[in-house]
Amino acid sequence: MLISSVWRGKSFWWFTLGLLLGGVAIAIVVQAVGGLLVDPFAPSTVVVTVLIVTYSIAAGHELGIVRLPLPQNARQVPESIVNDGPTYGALHFGFEMGTGVRTYMTTSLPHALAAGILLAASWPDALVAGLAFGAGRSLMPASRRARADDMAWDSNLAQAERRIKIIALASTAVCVVAIINRMLA
């Protein structure tokens, strides 16, 4: 759970901006590494196979078929960020969370998309994916912020968890298929 100061007033918007900037930053780094190390050397059949296997493992993890520890920095928000104040602290934490390297990851699906960026994405695709990742991470705090009753929101989230998981699986599959189709075109 995020610190309550991130949910309030201007802090929320700084936090959201941080999420978007963090998503773009990590996408740029992953695309640059892929462009330098993978793109010139990997045949398209290998890339397609790796993307399909990566998505299959991630989907299996989401469905409870495969149990793997997620690569993540499994720490809570440090007190130093809270002490940075409602503007810089929210932006700082949002940026780190937007990169996907701060705190817990609740799903393995971003790893499948990161593989797509690493192995096959163009710069514009990587930037859109980074923005989408940051925006996706902002949906939970935005929806919770919109509700006055936190307990009701928690209950609704628990009831919708299966539907959310199916939507996330399907949308990630669509992205992986789009990457593969673009590669093979």
N, C-alpha and C. Protein backbone atom coordinates (compact mmCIF):
# COMPACT_ATOMS: atom_id res chain seq x y z
N MET A 1 0.83 -1.17 0.00
CA MET A 1 0.00 0.00 0.00
C MET A 1 0.88 1.24 0.00
N LEU A 2 0.50 2.22 -0.77
CA LEU A 2 1.28 3.45 -0.83
C LEU A 2 1.02 4.32 0.38
N ILE A 3 1.94 5.18 0.63
CA ILE A 3 1.81 6.10 1.74
C ILE A 3 0.63 7.03 1.46
N SER A 4 -0.10 7.37 2.50
CA SER A 4 -1.29 8.19 2.30
C SER A 4 -0.97 9.54 1.68
N SER A 5 0.23 10.08 1.90
CA SER A 5 0.56 11.39 1.34
C SER A 5 0.59 11.36 -0.19
N VAL A 6 0.84 10.19 -0.77
CA VAL A 6 0.87 10.09 -2.23
C VAL A 6 -0.54 10.22 -2.81
N TRP A 7 -1.54 9.92 -2.03
CA TRP A 7 -2.91 9.92 -2.53
C TRP A 7 -3.55 11.31 -2.50
N ARG A 8 -2.97 12.24 -1.82
CA ARG A 8 -3.65 13.48 -1.53
C ARG A 8 -3.15 14.65 -2.37
N GLY A 9 -4.07 15.55 -2.71
CA GLY A 9 -3.76 16.83 -3.33
C GLY A 9 -2.81 16.75 -4.50
N LYS A 10 -1.89 17.72 -4.54
CA LYS A 10 -0.93 17.81 -5.63
C LYS A 10 0.04 16.63 -5.64
N SER A 11 0.25 16.00 -4.49
CA SER A 11 1.18 14.87 -4.43
C SER A 11 0.78 13.77 -5.41
N PHE A 12 -0.52 13.55 -5.55
CA PHE A 12 -0.99 12.51 -6.46
C PHE A 12 -0.52 12.79 -7.89
N TRP A 13 -0.60 14.04 -8.32
CA TRP A 13 -0.23 14.38 -9.70
C TRP A 13 1.28 14.28 -9.89
N TRP A 14 2.05 14.66 -8.88
CA TRP A 14 3.50 14.49 -8.96
C TRP A 14 3.86 13.02 -9.00
N PHE A 15 3.17 12.22 -8.20
CA PHE A 15 3.39 10.78 -8.19
C PHE A 15 3.09 10.18 -9.56
N THR A 16 1.97 10.59 -10.16
CA THR A 16 1.59 10.08 -11.48
C THR A 16 2.60 10.51 -12.55
N LEU A 17 3.06 11.76 -12.48
CA LEU A 17 4.09 12.21 -13.42
C LEU A 17 5.35 11.36 -13.25
N GLY A 18 5.72 11.08 -12.02
CA GLY A 18 6.87 10.22 -11.77
C GLY A 18 6.70 8.83 -12.36
N LEU A 19 5.49 8.26 -12.23
CA LEU A 19 5.22 6.95 -12.82
C LEU A 19 5.43 6.97 -14.33
N LEU A 20 4.91 7.99 -14.99
CA LEU A 20 5.04 8.10 -16.45
C LEU A 20 6.50 8.28 -16.86
N LEU A 21 7.21 9.17 -16.17
CA LEU A 21 8.62 9.41 -16.48
C LEU A 21 9.45 8.16 -16.22
N GLY A 22 9.16 7.46 -15.13
CA GLY A 22 9.89 6.22 -14.82
C GLY A 22 9.65 5.15 -15.87
N GLY A 23 8.40 5.01 -16.32
CA GLY A 23 8.09 4.03 -17.36
C GLY A 23 8.83 4.33 -18.66
N VAL A 24 8.87 5.60 -19.03
CA VAL A 24 9.60 5.99 -20.25
C VAL A 24 11.10 5.75 -20.07
N ALA A 25 11.63 6.10 -18.92
CA ALA A 25 13.07 5.93 -18.68
C ALA A 25 13.49 4.47 -18.78
N ILE A 26 12.74 3.57 -18.15
CA ILE A 26 13.12 2.16 -18.19
C ILE A 26 12.97 1.60 -19.60
N ALA A 27 11.95 2.05 -20.32
CA ALA A 27 11.77 1.59 -21.70
C ALA A 27 12.93 2.03 -22.58
N ILE A 28 13.41 3.24 -22.38
CA ILE A 28 14.56 3.74 -23.15
C ILE A 28 15.80 2.90 -22.85
N VAL A 29 16.03 2.61 -21.58
CA VAL A 29 17.20 1.82 -21.20
C VAL A 29 17.11 0.41 -21.80
N VAL A 30 15.95 -0.23 -21.65
CA VAL A 30 15.79 -1.59 -22.16
C VAL A 30 15.91 -1.62 -23.68
N GLN A 31 15.32 -0.64 -24.37
CA GLN A 31 15.41 -0.60 -25.83
C GLN A 31 16.84 -0.35 -26.28
N ALA A 32 17.55 0.53 -25.58
CA ALA A 32 18.94 0.81 -25.94
C ALA A 32 19.81 -0.43 -25.79
N VAL A 33 19.64 -1.13 -24.69
CA VAL A 33 20.41 -2.37 -24.47
C VAL A 33 20.06 -3.39 -25.57
N GLY A 34 18.78 -3.54 -25.85
CA GLY A 34 18.37 -4.47 -26.90
C GLY A 34 18.91 -4.07 -28.26
N GLY A 35 18.86 -2.79 -28.56
CA GLY A 35 19.36 -2.31 -29.84
C GLY A 35 20.84 -2.52 -30.02
N LEU A 36 21.57 -2.45 -28.94
CA LEU A 36 23.03 -2.63 -29.02
C LEU A 36 23.46 -4.09 -28.96
N LEU A 37 22.79 -4.88 -28.12
CA LEU A 37 23.28 -6.23 -27.86
C LEU A 37 22.48 -7.34 -28.53
N VAL A 38 21.21 -7.11 -28.79
CA VAL A 38 20.37 -8.20 -29.28
C VAL A 38 20.02 -8.01 -30.75
N ASP A 39 19.51 -6.86 -31.10
CA ASP A 39 18.98 -6.63 -32.44
C ASP A 39 19.95 -6.99 -33.56
N PRO A 40 21.21 -6.61 -33.46
CA PRO A 40 22.10 -6.94 -34.58
C PRO A 40 22.45 -8.42 -34.68
N PHE A 41 22.22 -9.18 -33.61
CA PHE A 41 22.73 -10.55 -33.58
C PHE A 41 21.67 -11.65 -33.57
N ALA A 42 20.49 -11.36 -33.09
CA ALA A 42 19.50 -12.41 -32.89
C ALA A 42 18.62 -12.60 -34.13
N PRO A 43 18.54 -13.82 -34.66
CA PRO A 43 17.63 -14.09 -35.77
C PRO A 43 16.17 -13.98 -35.30
N SER A 44 15.30 -13.60 -36.21
CA SER A 44 13.89 -13.36 -35.84
C SER A 44 13.23 -14.62 -35.27
N THR A 45 13.62 -15.81 -35.72
CA THR A 45 13.01 -17.03 -35.18
C THR A 45 13.36 -17.20 -33.70
N VAL A 46 14.58 -16.85 -33.33
CA VAL A 46 15.00 -16.94 -31.93
C VAL A 46 14.22 -15.91 -31.10
N VAL A 47 14.09 -14.70 -31.62
CA VAL A 47 13.37 -13.64 -30.91
C VAL A 47 11.92 -14.05 -30.70
N VAL A 48 11.28 -14.54 -31.75
CA VAL A 48 9.87 -14.95 -31.64
C VAL A 48 9.74 -16.07 -30.60
N THR A 49 10.63 -17.04 -30.65
CA THR A 49 10.58 -18.14 -29.69
C THR A 49 10.75 -17.64 -28.26
N VAL A 50 11.71 -16.76 -28.04
CA VAL A 50 11.93 -16.21 -26.69
C VAL A 50 10.71 -15.42 -26.22
N LEU A 51 10.11 -14.64 -27.10
CA LEU A 51 8.91 -13.88 -26.72
C LEU A 51 7.75 -14.80 -26.35
N ILE A 52 7.54 -15.83 -27.12
CA ILE A 52 6.45 -16.77 -26.83
C ILE A 52 6.71 -17.51 -25.52
N VAL A 53 7.93 -17.96 -25.31
CA VAL A 53 8.27 -18.67 -24.08
C VAL A 53 8.15 -17.73 -22.87
N THR A 54 8.64 -16.51 -23.01
CA THR A 54 8.56 -15.54 -21.90
C THR A 54 7.11 -15.25 -21.55
N TYR A 55 6.28 -15.00 -22.57
CA TYR A 55 4.86 -14.75 -22.28
C TYR A 55 4.21 -15.98 -21.66
N SER A 56 4.53 -17.15 -22.16
CA SER A 56 3.92 -18.37 -21.62
C SER A 56 4.28 -18.57 -20.15
N ILE A 57 5.53 -18.31 -19.81
CA ILE A 57 5.94 -18.43 -18.40
C ILE A 57 5.21 -17.38 -17.56
N ALA A 58 5.15 -16.15 -18.05
CA ALA A 58 4.46 -15.09 -17.30
C ALA A 58 2.98 -15.42 -17.14
N ALA A 59 2.35 -15.89 -18.20
CA ALA A 59 0.93 -16.25 -18.12
C ALA A 59 0.73 -17.43 -17.17
N GLY A 60 1.62 -18.41 -17.23
CA GLY A 60 1.54 -19.54 -16.31
C GLY A 60 1.68 -19.09 -14.87
N HIS A 61 2.54 -18.12 -14.63
CA HIS A 61 2.71 -17.58 -13.29
C HIS A 61 1.42 -16.89 -12.83
N GLU A 62 0.82 -16.11 -13.71
CA GLU A 62 -0.41 -15.39 -13.37
C GLU A 62 -1.56 -16.35 -13.08
N LEU A 63 -1.58 -17.45 -13.78
CA LEU A 63 -2.65 -18.44 -13.61
C LEU A 63 -2.37 -19.44 -12.49
N GLY A 64 -1.21 -19.33 -11.87
CA GLY A 64 -0.87 -20.23 -10.77
C GLY A 64 -0.34 -21.58 -11.22
N ILE A 65 -0.03 -21.73 -12.49
CA ILE A 65 0.49 -22.98 -13.02
C ILE A 65 1.99 -23.11 -12.73
N VAL A 66 2.68 -21.98 -12.84
CA VAL A 66 4.13 -21.92 -12.62
C VAL A 66 4.37 -20.98 -11.45
N ARG A 67 5.23 -21.37 -10.55
CA ARG A 67 5.57 -20.51 -9.42
C ARG A 67 7.05 -20.14 -9.51
N LEU A 68 7.31 -18.90 -9.79
CA LEU A 68 8.67 -18.40 -9.86
C LEU A 68 8.76 -17.11 -9.04
N PRO A 69 9.88 -16.88 -8.39
CA PRO A 69 10.03 -15.60 -7.72
C PRO A 69 10.20 -14.50 -8.77
N LEU A 70 9.51 -13.41 -8.57
CA LEU A 70 9.61 -12.30 -9.53
C LEU A 70 10.87 -11.50 -9.25
N PRO A 71 11.57 -11.10 -10.32
CA PRO A 71 12.72 -10.22 -10.10
C PRO A 71 12.18 -8.85 -9.68
N GLN A 72 12.46 -8.49 -8.47
CA GLN A 72 11.93 -7.23 -7.95
C GLN A 72 12.76 -6.78 -6.76
N ASN A 73 12.61 -5.52 -6.46
CA ASN A 73 13.24 -4.95 -5.27
C ASN A 73 12.16 -4.96 -4.20
N ALA A 74 12.05 -6.02 -3.46
CA ALA A 74 10.94 -6.23 -2.54
C ALA A 74 11.15 -5.45 -1.24
N ARG A 75 11.01 -4.13 -1.35
CA ARG A 75 11.13 -3.27 -0.18
C ARG A 75 9.94 -2.32 -0.15
N GLN A 76 9.63 -1.86 1.03
CA GLN A 76 8.60 -0.85 1.19
C GLN A 76 9.22 0.52 0.91
N VAL A 77 8.37 1.54 0.88
CA VAL A 77 8.84 2.90 0.63
C VAL A 77 9.73 3.34 1.79
N PRO A 78 10.97 3.74 1.51
CA PRO A 78 11.83 4.17 2.60
C PRO A 78 11.37 5.50 3.20
N GLU A 79 11.63 5.66 4.46
CA GLU A 79 11.23 6.88 5.17
C GLU A 79 11.86 8.12 4.56
N SER A 80 13.04 7.98 3.95
CA SER A 80 13.71 9.14 3.36
C SER A 80 12.88 9.77 2.25
N ILE A 81 12.14 8.96 1.50
CA ILE A 81 11.29 9.51 0.44
C ILE A 81 10.13 10.28 1.05
N VAL A 82 9.55 9.76 2.10
CA VAL A 82 8.47 10.45 2.79
C VAL A 82 8.97 11.80 3.30
N ASN A 83 10.19 11.82 3.81
CA ASN A 83 10.76 13.04 4.35
C ASN A 83 11.12 14.06 3.27
N ASP A 84 11.16 13.65 2.00
CA ASP A 84 11.46 14.57 0.91
C ASP A 84 10.31 15.52 0.61
N GLY A 85 9.18 15.29 1.22
CA GLY A 85 8.05 16.21 1.04
C GLY A 85 7.05 15.72 0.03
N PRO A 86 5.89 16.38 0.01
CA PRO A 86 4.78 15.90 -0.82
C PRO A 86 5.01 16.06 -2.32
N THR A 87 5.88 16.97 -2.74
CA THR A 87 6.12 17.14 -4.17
C THR A 87 7.28 16.27 -4.63
N TYR A 88 8.48 16.57 -4.14
CA TYR A 88 9.64 15.81 -4.59
C TYR A 88 9.56 14.35 -4.17
N GLY A 89 9.09 14.08 -2.96
CA GLY A 89 8.97 12.70 -2.49
C GLY A 89 8.03 11.89 -3.37
N ALA A 90 6.89 12.48 -3.72
CA ALA A 90 5.92 11.79 -4.58
C ALA A 90 6.48 11.58 -5.98
N LEU A 91 7.15 12.59 -6.53
CA LEU A 91 7.76 12.47 -7.86
C LEU A 91 8.86 11.40 -7.83
N HIS A 92 9.70 11.45 -6.81
CA HIS A 92 10.81 10.50 -6.66
C HIS A 92 10.29 9.06 -6.56
N PHE A 93 9.33 8.84 -5.66
CA PHE A 93 8.80 7.50 -5.50
C PHE A 93 8.06 7.06 -6.77
N GLY A 94 7.29 7.96 -7.37
CA GLY A 94 6.59 7.63 -8.62
C GLY A 94 7.56 7.22 -9.71
N PHE A 95 8.67 7.96 -9.83
CA PHE A 95 9.66 7.62 -10.85
C PHE A 95 10.23 6.23 -10.60
N GLU A 96 10.63 5.96 -9.36
CA GLU A 96 11.20 4.64 -9.06
C GLU A 96 10.18 3.53 -9.27
N MET A 97 8.95 3.77 -8.86
CA MET A 97 7.91 2.75 -9.05
C MET A 97 7.58 2.60 -10.55
N GLY A 98 7.64 3.70 -11.29
CA GLY A 98 7.38 3.67 -12.72
C GLY A 98 8.42 2.90 -13.50
N THR A 99 9.63 2.81 -12.96
CA THR A 99 10.65 2.01 -13.64
C THR A 99 10.43 0.51 -13.42
N GLY A 100 9.65 0.19 -12.40
CA GLY A 100 9.42 -1.23 -12.09
C GLY A 100 10.52 -1.83 -11.24
N VAL A 101 11.45 -1.02 -10.76
CA VAL A 101 12.54 -1.56 -9.96
C VAL A 101 12.41 -1.19 -8.48
N ARG A 102 11.35 -0.53 -8.10
CA ARG A 102 11.13 -0.15 -6.70
C ARG A 102 9.88 -0.85 -6.18
N THR A 103 9.94 -1.39 -5.05
CA THR A 103 8.87 -2.07 -4.33
C THR A 103 8.48 -3.38 -5.00
N TYR A 104 7.34 -3.87 -4.61
CA TYR A 104 6.87 -5.18 -5.05
C TYR A 104 6.20 -5.10 -6.41
N MET A 105 6.40 -6.13 -7.21
CA MET A 105 5.66 -6.28 -8.47
C MET A 105 4.56 -7.29 -8.18
N THR A 106 3.35 -6.95 -8.54
CA THR A 106 2.23 -7.84 -8.27
C THR A 106 1.91 -8.76 -9.43
N THR A 107 2.59 -8.58 -10.54
CA THR A 107 2.34 -9.40 -11.72
C THR A 107 3.65 -9.63 -12.46
N SER A 108 3.70 -10.71 -13.20
CA SER A 108 4.89 -11.02 -14.00
C SER A 108 4.75 -10.52 -15.44
N LEU A 109 3.59 -10.05 -15.81
CA LEU A 109 3.34 -9.67 -17.21
C LEU A 109 4.24 -8.55 -17.73
N PRO A 110 4.60 -7.54 -16.94
CA PRO A 110 5.51 -6.53 -17.48
C PRO A 110 6.85 -7.10 -17.93
N HIS A 111 7.25 -8.22 -17.36
CA HIS A 111 8.51 -8.85 -17.78
C HIS A 111 8.40 -9.38 -19.21
N ALA A 112 7.24 -9.86 -19.59
CA ALA A 112 7.03 -10.32 -20.97
C ALA A 112 7.11 -9.13 -21.93
N LEU A 113 6.54 -8.00 -21.53
CA LEU A 113 6.62 -6.83 -22.39
C LEU A 113 8.03 -6.26 -22.42
N ALA A 114 8.73 -6.32 -21.31
CA ALA A 114 10.13 -5.87 -21.29
C ALA A 114 10.96 -6.71 -22.25
N ALA A 115 10.68 -8.00 -22.31
CA ALA A 115 11.37 -8.87 -23.27
C ALA A 115 11.07 -8.42 -24.70
N GLY A 116 9.83 -8.04 -24.94
CA GLY A 116 9.47 -7.53 -26.27
C GLY A 116 10.22 -6.27 -26.63
N ILE A 117 10.35 -5.38 -25.66
CA ILE A 117 11.09 -4.13 -25.90
C ILE A 117 12.57 -4.46 -26.12
N LEU A 118 13.11 -5.31 -25.28
CA LEU A 118 14.52 -5.68 -25.37
C LEU A 118 14.84 -6.32 -26.73
N LEU A 119 13.97 -7.20 -27.17
CA LEU A 119 14.28 -8.01 -28.34
C LEU A 119 13.79 -7.44 -29.67
N ALA A 120 12.75 -6.61 -29.65
CA ALA A 120 12.16 -6.31 -30.95
C ALA A 120 11.54 -4.92 -31.12
N ALA A 121 11.48 -4.12 -30.10
CA ALA A 121 10.74 -2.86 -30.21
C ALA A 121 11.55 -1.77 -30.90
N SER A 122 10.84 -0.94 -31.64
CA SER A 122 11.44 0.28 -32.19
C SER A 122 11.42 1.34 -31.09
N TRP A 123 12.11 2.45 -31.33
CA TRP A 123 12.10 3.52 -30.33
C TRP A 123 10.69 4.02 -30.04
N PRO A 124 9.87 4.31 -31.07
CA PRO A 124 8.50 4.76 -30.76
C PRO A 124 7.70 3.72 -29.98
N ASP A 125 7.85 2.44 -30.35
CA ASP A 125 7.15 1.38 -29.62
C ASP A 125 7.59 1.34 -28.16
N ALA A 126 8.88 1.47 -27.94
CA ALA A 126 9.41 1.44 -26.57
C ALA A 126 8.86 2.60 -25.75
N LEU A 127 8.81 3.79 -26.36
CA LEU A 127 8.29 4.95 -25.63
C LEU A 127 6.81 4.78 -25.29
N VAL A 128 6.04 4.27 -26.24
CA VAL A 128 4.61 4.03 -25.97
C VAL A 128 4.46 2.97 -24.87
N ALA A 129 5.26 1.92 -24.95
CA ALA A 129 5.19 0.87 -23.93
C ALA A 129 5.55 1.43 -22.55
N GLY A 130 6.57 2.27 -22.49
CA GLY A 130 6.96 2.88 -21.22
C GLY A 130 5.87 3.77 -20.65
N LEU A 131 5.26 4.58 -21.51
CA LEU A 131 4.13 5.41 -21.06
C LEU A 131 2.98 4.54 -20.59
N ALA A 132 2.71 3.47 -21.33
CA ALA A 132 1.61 2.58 -20.96
C ALA A 132 1.88 1.89 -19.63
N PHE A 133 3.13 1.51 -19.39
CA PHE A 133 3.48 0.88 -18.11
C PHE A 133 3.26 1.87 -16.96
N GLY A 134 3.76 3.09 -17.13
CA GLY A 134 3.57 4.10 -16.09
C GLY A 134 2.10 4.42 -15.88
N ALA A 135 1.36 4.53 -16.97
CA ALA A 135 -0.08 4.81 -16.86
C ALA A 135 -0.80 3.64 -16.20
N GLY A 136 -0.41 2.44 -16.55
CA GLY A 136 -1.02 1.26 -15.93
C GLY A 136 -0.78 1.22 -14.44
N ARG A 137 0.43 1.57 -14.04
CA ARG A 137 0.74 1.59 -12.60
C ARG A 137 -0.04 2.71 -11.89
N SER A 138 -0.45 3.72 -12.63
CA SER A 138 -1.19 4.83 -12.00
C SER A 138 -2.68 4.52 -11.85
N LEU A 139 -3.17 3.50 -12.53
CA LEU A 139 -4.61 3.20 -12.47
C LEU A 139 -5.08 2.84 -11.06
N MET A 140 -4.31 2.06 -10.35
CA MET A 140 -4.72 1.64 -9.02
C MET A 140 -4.83 2.83 -8.07
N PRO A 141 -3.80 3.66 -7.93
CA PRO A 141 -3.98 4.80 -7.02
C PRO A 141 -5.03 5.79 -7.51
N ALA A 142 -5.18 5.94 -8.83
CA ALA A 142 -6.19 6.86 -9.34
C ALA A 142 -7.59 6.36 -9.02
N SER A 143 -7.81 5.07 -9.20
CA SER A 143 -9.15 4.54 -8.92
C SER A 143 -9.44 4.56 -7.42
N ARG A 144 -8.43 4.30 -6.62
CA ARG A 144 -8.65 4.34 -5.18
C ARG A 144 -8.88 5.77 -4.71
N ARG A 145 -8.17 6.69 -5.27
CA ARG A 145 -8.31 8.11 -4.92
C ARG A 145 -9.71 8.62 -5.25
N ALA A 146 -10.29 8.07 -6.32
CA ALA A 146 -11.62 8.51 -6.76
C ALA A 146 -12.72 8.02 -5.84
N ARG A 147 -12.44 7.05 -5.00
CA ARG A 147 -13.44 6.50 -4.08
C ARG A 147 -13.27 7.09 -2.69
N ALA A 148 -14.37 7.49 -2.10
CA ALA A 148 -14.32 8.04 -0.75
C ALA A 148 -14.15 6.94 0.30
N ASP A 149 -14.66 5.77 0.00
CA ASP A 149 -14.67 4.67 0.97
C ASP A 149 -13.57 3.66 0.61
N ASP A 150 -12.44 3.74 1.33
CA ASP A 150 -11.32 2.83 1.06
C ASP A 150 -11.68 1.37 1.25
N MET A 151 -12.50 1.08 2.26
CA MET A 151 -12.89 -0.31 2.53
C MET A 151 -13.71 -0.88 1.37
N ALA A 152 -14.64 -0.09 0.84
CA ALA A 152 -15.44 -0.55 -0.29
C ALA A 152 -14.56 -0.75 -1.52
N TRP A 153 -13.58 0.13 -1.71
CA TRP A 153 -12.68 -0.01 -2.85
C TRP A 153 -11.88 -1.31 -2.73
N ASP A 154 -11.35 -1.59 -1.55
CA ASP A 154 -10.61 -2.83 -1.33
C ASP A 154 -11.48 -4.05 -1.63
N SER A 155 -12.72 -4.01 -1.19
CA SER A 155 -13.64 -5.12 -1.42
C SER A 155 -13.94 -5.28 -2.92
N ASN A 156 -14.17 -4.16 -3.60
CA ASN A 156 -14.43 -4.21 -5.04
C ASN A 156 -13.23 -4.73 -5.81
N LEU A 157 -12.02 -4.34 -5.38
CA LEU A 157 -10.81 -4.82 -6.03
C LEU A 157 -10.69 -6.33 -5.87
N ALA A 158 -10.94 -6.83 -4.68
CA ALA A 158 -10.87 -8.27 -4.44
C ALA A 158 -11.86 -9.02 -5.31
N GLN A 159 -13.07 -8.47 -5.47
CA GLN A 159 -14.09 -9.12 -6.30
C GLN A 159 -13.73 -9.08 -7.78
N ALA A 160 -13.03 -8.04 -8.22
CA ALA A 160 -12.70 -7.88 -9.64
C ALA A 160 -11.34 -8.47 -10.01
N GLU A 161 -10.63 -9.03 -9.05
CA GLU A 161 -9.27 -9.49 -9.30
C GLU A 161 -9.17 -10.48 -10.46
N ARG A 162 -10.07 -11.43 -10.53
CA ARG A 162 -10.04 -12.42 -11.62
C ARG A 162 -10.24 -11.75 -12.98
N ARG A 163 -11.22 -10.85 -13.06
CA ARG A 163 -11.47 -10.14 -14.33
C ARG A 163 -10.27 -9.29 -14.73
N ILE A 164 -9.68 -8.62 -13.76
CA ILE A 164 -8.50 -7.79 -14.03
C ILE A 164 -7.36 -8.66 -14.56
N LYS A 165 -7.17 -9.81 -13.95
CA LYS A 165 -6.11 -10.72 -14.37
C LYS A 165 -6.34 -11.20 -15.81
N ILE A 166 -7.57 -11.52 -16.15
CA ILE A 166 -7.89 -11.97 -17.51
C ILE A 166 -7.65 -10.85 -18.52
N ILE A 167 -8.08 -9.65 -18.18
CA ILE A 167 -7.85 -8.50 -19.06
C ILE A 167 -6.36 -8.25 -19.25
N ALA A 168 -5.59 -8.32 -18.16
CA ALA A 168 -4.15 -8.12 -18.24
C ALA A 168 -3.48 -9.20 -19.09
N LEU A 169 -3.88 -10.45 -18.91
CA LEU A 169 -3.33 -11.54 -19.72
C LEU A 169 -3.64 -11.34 -21.19
N ALA A 170 -4.89 -11.00 -21.49
CA ALA A 170 -5.31 -10.82 -22.88
C ALA A 170 -4.61 -9.62 -23.52
N SER A 171 -4.54 -8.51 -22.81
CA SER A 171 -3.91 -7.32 -23.40
C SER A 171 -2.41 -7.53 -23.60
N THR A 172 -1.76 -8.25 -22.69
CA THR A 172 -0.34 -8.56 -22.88
C THR A 172 -0.16 -9.50 -24.06
N ALA A 173 -1.04 -10.47 -24.22
CA ALA A 173 -0.97 -11.37 -25.38
C ALA A 173 -1.12 -10.59 -26.68
N VAL A 174 -2.03 -9.63 -26.71
CA VAL A 174 -2.21 -8.80 -27.91
C VAL A 174 -0.92 -8.04 -28.22
N CYS A 175 -0.28 -7.50 -27.20
CA CYS A 175 0.97 -6.77 -27.40
C CYS A 175 2.07 -7.69 -27.93
N VAL A 176 2.19 -8.87 -27.36
CA VAL A 176 3.21 -9.82 -27.81
C VAL A 176 2.95 -10.23 -29.26
N VAL A 177 1.70 -10.51 -29.58
CA VAL A 177 1.36 -10.87 -30.97
C VAL A 177 1.66 -9.70 -31.92
N ALA A 178 1.37 -8.48 -31.49
CA ALA A 178 1.65 -7.32 -32.35
C ALA A 178 3.15 -7.17 -32.58
N ILE A 179 3.95 -7.40 -31.55
CA ILE A 179 5.41 -7.34 -31.71
C ILE A 179 5.87 -8.40 -32.69
N ILE A 180 5.35 -9.60 -32.54
CA ILE A 180 5.75 -10.70 -33.41
C ILE A 180 5.32 -10.42 -34.86
N ASN A 181 4.09 -9.96 -35.04
CA ASN A 181 3.62 -9.65 -36.39
C ASN A 181 4.45 -8.57 -37.05
N ARG A 182 4.83 -7.57 -36.29
CA ARG A 182 5.65 -6.49 -36.86
C ARG A 182 7.01 -7.04 -37.26
N MET A 183 7.57 -7.94 -36.43
CA MET A 183 8.87 -8.52 -36.75
C MET A 183 8.83 -9.35 -38.03
N LEU A 184 7.76 -10.10 -38.17
CA LEU A 184 7.67 -11.03 -39.30
C LEU A 184 7.14 -10.39 -40.57
N ALA A 185 6.68 -9.15 -40.46
CA ALA A 185 6.13 -8.47 -41.65
C ALA A 185 7.21 -8.03 -42.61
